[in-house]
N, C-alpha and C. Protein backbone atom coordinates (compact mmCIF):
# COMPACT_ATOMS: atom_id res chain seq x y z
N UNK A 1 9.83 -3.69 11.12
CA UNK A 1 10.07 -2.34 10.45
C UNK A 1 9.12 -1.74 11.02
N UNK A 2 9.43 -0.50 11.39
CA UNK A 2 8.54 0.62 12.17
C UNK A 2 7.47 1.39 10.55
N UNK A 3 6.17 1.63 11.03
CA UNK A 3 5.70 1.83 9.97
C UNK A 3 4.25 2.64 10.29
N UNK A 4 3.80 3.27 9.40
CA UNK A 4 2.29 4.12 9.83
C UNK A 4 1.47 3.07 8.85
N UNK A 5 0.72 2.79 9.19
CA UNK A 5 -0.54 1.68 8.42
C UNK A 5 -1.68 2.52 8.39
N UNK A 6 -2.37 2.72 7.36
CA UNK A 6 -3.57 3.52 7.16
C UNK A 6 -4.38 1.90 6.25
N UNK A 7 -5.19 1.48 6.87
CA UNK A 7 -5.89 0.04 6.11
C UNK A 7 -7.47 0.47 6.30
N UNK A 8 -8.03 -0.76 5.55
CA UNK A 8 -9.38 -0.99 5.70
C UNK A 8 -10.24 0.42 4.51
N UNK A 9 -9.23 0.68 3.20
CA UNK A 9 -9.42 1.68 2.68
C UNK A 9 -10.27 0.80 1.66
N UNK A 10 -11.15 1.73 1.24
CA UNK A 10 -11.95 1.31 0.08
C UNK A 10 -11.39 1.30 -1.34
N UNK A 11 -11.75 0.04 -2.27
CA UNK A 11 -10.65 -0.03 -3.84
C UNK A 11 -10.77 1.12 -4.55
N UNK A 12 -11.85 1.95 -4.39
CA UNK A 12 -11.55 3.04 -5.58
C UNK A 12 -11.17 4.06 -5.08
N UNK A 13 -10.89 4.40 -3.41
CA UNK A 13 -10.52 5.15 -2.87
C UNK A 13 -8.85 4.73 -2.74
N UNK A 14 -8.22 3.91 -2.80
CA UNK A 14 -7.00 3.26 -3.01
C UNK A 14 -6.62 3.74 -4.32
N UNK A 15 -7.27 3.41 -5.11
CA UNK A 15 -7.03 3.48 -6.71
C UNK A 15 -6.67 5.15 -6.92
N UNK A 16 -8.01 5.58 -6.44
CA UNK A 16 -7.51 7.27 -6.55
C UNK A 16 -6.20 7.55 -5.82
N UNK A 17 -5.95 7.01 -4.90
CA UNK A 17 -4.44 7.63 -4.04
C UNK A 17 -3.23 7.27 -4.83
N UNK A 18 -3.53 6.06 -5.29
CA UNK A 18 -2.51 5.37 -5.85
C UNK A 18 -1.74 6.47 -7.06
N UNK A 19 -3.15 6.82 -7.73
CA UNK A 19 -2.84 7.53 -8.90
C UNK A 19 -2.21 9.08 -8.66
N UNK A 20 -2.81 9.39 -7.19
CA UNK A 20 -2.26 10.70 -6.52
C UNK A 20 -0.89 10.86 -6.15
N UNK A 21 -0.64 9.67 -6.00
CA UNK A 21 1.30 9.36 -5.55
C UNK A 21 1.60 9.51 -7.02
N UNK A 22 1.45 9.00 -7.76
CA UNK A 22 2.16 9.23 -9.08
C UNK A 22 2.44 10.69 -9.57
N UNK A 23 1.77 11.54 -8.72
CA UNK A 23 2.01 12.81 -9.05
C UNK A 23 2.91 13.59 -8.10
N UNK A 24 2.57 12.72 -6.56
CA UNK A 24 3.43 13.65 -6.08
C UNK A 24 4.51 12.93 -5.56
N UNK A 25 4.91 12.02 -6.07
CA UNK A 25 6.35 11.09 -5.42
C UNK A 25 6.83 10.34 -6.41
N UNK A 26 7.61 9.67 -6.44
CA UNK A 26 8.78 8.73 -7.41
C UNK A 26 7.99 7.27 -7.43
N UNK A 27 7.62 6.77 -8.59
CA UNK A 27 7.31 5.17 -8.54
C UNK A 27 8.79 4.54 -8.45
N UNK A 28 8.99 3.55 -7.66
CA UNK A 28 10.07 2.44 -7.65
C UNK A 28 10.00 1.59 -8.49
N UNK A 29 10.74 0.64 -8.53
CA UNK A 29 10.89 -0.24 -9.86
C UNK A 29 9.79 -1.16 -9.60
N UNK A 30 9.42 -1.70 -8.61
CA UNK A 30 8.54 -2.63 -7.64
C UNK A 30 7.30 -2.10 -8.36
N UNK A 31 6.26 -2.83 -8.52
CA UNK A 31 4.60 -2.06 -8.72
C UNK A 31 4.03 -1.83 -7.33
N UNK A 32 3.49 -0.75 -6.64
CA UNK A 32 2.92 -0.56 -5.61
C UNK A 32 3.85 -0.20 -4.37
N UNK A 33 5.26 0.37 -4.91
CA UNK A 33 6.07 0.85 -4.15
C UNK A 33 6.12 2.38 -4.43
N UNK A 34 6.17 3.68 -3.84
CA UNK A 34 6.49 4.85 -4.20
C UNK A 34 7.46 5.23 -3.13
N UNK A 35 8.34 6.13 -3.81
CA UNK A 35 9.46 6.89 -2.67
C UNK A 35 8.82 8.61 -2.38
N UNK A 36 8.91 8.70 -1.18
CA UNK A 36 8.30 9.96 -0.92
C UNK A 36 9.83 10.96 -0.17
N UNK A 37 10.37 11.33 -0.97
CA UNK A 37 11.78 12.12 -0.98
C UNK A 37 11.37 13.20 0.23
N UNK A 38 12.49 13.06 1.18
CA UNK A 38 12.29 14.05 2.53
C UNK A 38 13.28 15.60 1.91
N UNK A 39 12.58 16.38 2.44
CA UNK A 39 13.61 17.78 1.84
C UNK A 39 14.91 17.61 2.67
N UNK A 40 15.38 18.74 1.90
CA UNK A 40 16.84 18.31 2.52
C UNK A 40 16.85 19.24 4.21
N UNK A 41 16.22 20.29 4.36
CA UNK A 41 16.37 20.73 5.67
C UNK A 41 15.70 19.65 6.59
N UNK A 42 15.29 18.52 6.55
CA UNK A 42 14.64 17.93 7.07
C UNK A 42 15.94 16.83 7.21
N UNK A 43 16.88 16.53 6.62
CA UNK A 43 17.76 15.50 6.92
C UNK A 43 18.58 15.81 8.06
N UNK A 44 19.48 14.66 8.56
CA UNK A 44 19.96 14.63 9.84
C UNK A 44 21.84 15.59 8.97
N UNK A 45 22.64 15.49 10.22
CA UNK A 45 23.84 16.19 9.71
C UNK A 45 24.46 15.18 8.40
N UNK A 46 24.57 13.80 8.95
CA UNK A 46 25.22 12.75 8.31
C UNK A 46 24.38 12.58 6.48
N UNK A 47 22.96 12.80 6.55
CA UNK A 47 22.47 12.34 5.58
C UNK A 47 22.73 13.54 4.68
N UNK A 48 22.67 14.81 5.15
CA UNK A 48 23.11 15.81 4.38
C UNK A 48 24.60 15.23 3.51
N UNK A 49 25.47 15.04 4.35
CA UNK A 49 26.93 14.61 4.25
C UNK A 49 26.83 13.65 2.98
N UNK A 50 25.94 12.83 3.04
CA UNK A 50 25.94 11.72 2.03
C UNK A 50 25.11 11.99 0.98
N UNK A 51 24.46 13.06 0.67
CA UNK A 51 23.51 13.30 -0.26
C UNK A 51 24.07 12.67 -1.76
N UNK A 52 25.07 13.00 -2.07
CA UNK A 52 25.68 13.05 -3.19
C UNK A 52 26.00 11.64 -3.66
N UNK A 53 26.47 10.78 -2.88
CA UNK A 53 26.68 8.95 -2.90
C UNK A 53 25.21 8.49 -2.49
N UNK A 54 24.44 8.96 -1.63
CA UNK A 54 22.95 8.19 -1.14
C UNK A 54 21.86 8.42 -1.42
N UNK A 55 22.34 9.56 -1.73
CA UNK A 55 20.79 10.41 -2.15
C UNK A 55 19.85 10.27 -2.90
N UNK A 56 18.87 10.93 -3.53
CA UNK A 56 18.06 11.41 -2.51
C UNK A 56 17.55 10.25 -1.67
N UNK A 57 17.39 11.05 -0.07
CA UNK A 57 16.60 9.95 1.03
C UNK A 57 15.19 10.46 0.80
N UNK A 58 14.28 9.28 1.56
CA UNK A 58 13.42 9.26 0.92
C UNK A 58 12.67 7.92 1.94
N UNK A 59 11.41 8.36 2.30
CA UNK A 59 10.32 6.85 2.94
C UNK A 59 9.84 6.67 1.72
N UNK A 60 10.10 4.94 2.25
CA UNK A 60 9.09 4.28 1.25
C UNK A 60 7.81 4.02 1.32
N UNK A 61 6.57 4.29 0.40
CA UNK A 61 5.47 3.96 0.77
C UNK A 61 4.73 2.87 -0.64
N UNK A 62 4.12 1.58 0.41
CA UNK A 62 3.63 0.67 -0.09
C UNK A 62 2.30 0.43 -0.37
N UNK A 63 1.77 0.19 -1.43
CA UNK A 63 -0.06 -0.09 -1.73
C UNK A 63 -0.27 -1.54 -1.37
N UNK A 64 -1.21 -1.26 -0.59
CA UNK A 64 -1.62 -2.92 -0.01
C UNK A 64 -2.53 -3.19 -0.74
N UNK A 65 -3.41 -4.38 -0.25
CA UNK A 65 -4.67 -4.60 -0.71
C UNK A 65 -5.63 -4.04 -0.60
N UNK A 66 -5.80 -3.21 0.80
CA UNK A 66 -6.97 -2.48 1.42
C UNK A 66 -6.51 -1.26 1.75
N UNK A 67 -4.60 -1.39 1.91
CA UNK A 67 -4.15 -0.37 2.90
C UNK A 67 -2.74 0.52 2.33
N UNK A 68 -2.19 1.37 3.14
CA UNK A 68 -1.42 2.25 2.65
C UNK A 68 -0.04 2.19 3.95
N UNK A 69 1.05 1.72 3.74
CA UNK A 69 1.85 1.58 4.75
C UNK A 69 3.14 2.54 4.04
N UNK A 70 2.79 3.41 4.95
CA UNK A 70 4.83 4.25 5.32
C UNK A 70 5.59 3.85 5.76
N UNK A 71 6.45 3.39 5.36
CA UNK A 71 7.80 3.16 6.08
C UNK A 71 8.67 3.98 7.17
N UNK A 72 9.00 4.15 8.08
CA UNK A 72 9.37 4.54 8.85
C UNK A 72 11.22 4.59 8.86
N UNK A 73 11.72 4.38 8.15
CA UNK A 73 13.04 4.25 7.67
C UNK A 73 13.39 5.30 6.65
N UNK A 74 14.34 5.98 7.16
CA UNK A 74 15.19 6.81 5.89
C UNK A 74 15.87 6.10 5.09
N UNK A 75 15.63 6.06 3.79
CA UNK A 75 16.40 5.07 2.68
C UNK A 75 17.22 6.15 2.07
N UNK A 76 18.57 6.03 1.86
CA UNK A 76 19.29 6.21 0.60
C UNK A 76 18.89 5.95 -0.79
N UNK A 77 18.45 6.48 -1.68
CA UNK A 77 18.16 5.81 -3.03
C UNK A 77 19.22 5.56 -3.78
N UNK A 78 20.25 6.35 -3.14
CA UNK A 78 21.59 5.80 -4.49
C UNK A 78 22.65 4.87 -3.56
N UNK A 79 22.37 4.48 -2.52
CA UNK A 79 22.82 3.10 -1.79
C UNK A 79 21.92 2.57 -0.95
N UNK A 80 21.92 1.01 -1.03
CA UNK A 80 20.92 0.51 0.27
C UNK A 80 21.47 0.24 1.46
N UNK A 81 22.88 -0.03 1.50
CA UNK A 81 23.30 0.01 2.76
C UNK A 81 24.78 1.07 2.91
N UNK A 82 24.18 2.02 4.26
CA UNK A 82 24.95 2.89 4.69
C UNK A 82 24.69 3.54 6.06
N UNK A 83 25.27 3.97 6.89
CA UNK A 83 25.29 4.71 8.12
C UNK A 83 24.00 5.59 7.99
N UNK A 84 23.66 6.38 6.97
CA UNK A 84 23.32 7.18 6.83
C UNK A 84 21.38 6.70 6.80
N UNK A 85 21.17 5.40 6.47
CA UNK A 85 20.29 4.64 6.53
C UNK A 85 19.49 4.36 7.85
N UNK A 86 18.69 5.25 8.14
CA UNK A 86 18.14 4.95 9.94
C UNK A 86 16.78 5.18 10.08
N UNK A 87 16.29 5.10 11.09
CA UNK A 87 14.54 5.59 11.45
C UNK A 87 14.65 6.50 11.46
N UNK A 88 13.56 7.18 11.01
CA UNK A 88 13.41 8.46 11.27
C UNK A 88 13.21 8.95 12.60
N UNK A 89 13.88 10.33 12.62
CA UNK A 89 14.21 10.93 13.94
C UNK A 89 12.70 11.17 14.29
N UNK A 90 11.98 12.24 15.30
CA UNK A 90 11.12 12.49 15.81
C UNK A 90 10.34 13.74 14.87
N UNK A 91 11.03 14.70 13.95
CA UNK A 91 10.79 15.29 13.13
C UNK A 91 10.68 14.63 11.83
N UNK A 92 11.35 13.81 11.80
CA UNK A 92 10.92 13.55 9.88
C UNK A 92 9.48 12.58 9.92
N UNK A 93 9.76 12.13 10.99
CA UNK A 93 8.33 10.80 11.52
C UNK A 93 7.23 11.67 11.33
N UNK A 94 7.16 12.94 11.99
CA UNK A 94 5.72 13.58 11.81
C UNK A 94 5.75 14.24 10.62
N UNK A 95 6.77 14.80 9.88
CA UNK A 95 6.92 14.99 8.31
C UNK A 95 6.25 14.41 7.58
N UNK A 96 6.79 12.85 7.52
CA UNK A 96 6.06 11.77 6.94
C UNK A 96 4.69 11.41 6.97
N UNK A 97 4.26 11.35 8.12
CA UNK A 97 2.73 11.06 8.53
C UNK A 97 2.08 12.14 8.26
N UNK A 98 2.64 13.71 8.15
CA UNK A 98 1.79 14.49 8.02
C UNK A 98 1.52 14.62 6.68
N UNK A 99 2.74 14.31 5.77
CA UNK A 99 2.65 14.64 4.33
C UNK A 99 1.47 13.46 3.96
N UNK A 100 1.52 12.33 4.63
CA UNK A 100 0.72 11.47 4.11
C UNK A 100 -0.89 11.64 4.63
N UNK A 101 -1.22 12.28 5.53
CA UNK A 101 -2.59 12.60 5.69
C UNK A 101 -2.84 13.73 5.29
N UNK A 102 -1.96 14.71 4.63
CA UNK A 102 -2.41 15.88 3.99
C UNK A 102 -2.91 15.34 2.57
N UNK A 103 -2.09 14.43 2.02
CA UNK A 103 -2.67 13.73 0.81
C UNK A 103 -4.37 13.03 0.77
N UNK A 104 -4.40 12.19 1.87
CA UNK A 104 -5.91 11.69 1.92
C UNK A 104 -6.59 12.87 2.16
N UNK A 105 -6.43 13.88 2.68
CA UNK A 105 -7.42 14.90 3.21
C UNK A 105 -7.46 15.85 2.00
N UNK A 106 -6.57 15.84 0.84
CA UNK A 106 -6.53 16.46 -0.16
C UNK A 106 -7.53 15.97 -1.22
N UNK A 107 -7.80 14.50 -1.05
CA UNK A 107 -8.37 13.69 -2.27
C UNK A 107 -9.68 13.37 -1.34
N UNK A 108 -9.97 14.12 -0.08
CA UNK A 108 -11.13 13.92 0.59
C UNK A 108 -11.44 12.40 0.88
N UNK A 109 -10.71 11.84 1.24
CA UNK A 109 -10.59 9.95 1.29
C UNK A 109 -10.64 10.17 3.18
N UNK A 110 -11.65 9.61 3.73
CA UNK A 110 -11.67 9.54 5.05
C UNK A 110 -10.91 8.44 5.57
N UNK A 111 -9.95 9.05 6.57
CA UNK A 111 -9.19 7.79 7.39
C UNK A 111 -9.43 7.94 8.90
């Protein structure tokens, strides 16, 4: 799996970040997993076509023991397996990493 990982986080910073995620993203059914939906303009043509059946399309964020992992796979939350579920292209990847980094900056958590 291709991922962007921020590790060696202090426990209190990680807890603050996780609380922040609950306001900025959608929690998944599994504890410690969150969905960060991509804006429609960031989707590929195929992902836009599949929005009704497969969408919303999102990155998964996992909270670890001392880390945060952004999976660089764009998933369709409405359907697990489809040709529109692909690794992020360069623009999507940059958007996801920038969005995650901005959350840390907003909370003044050094990374």
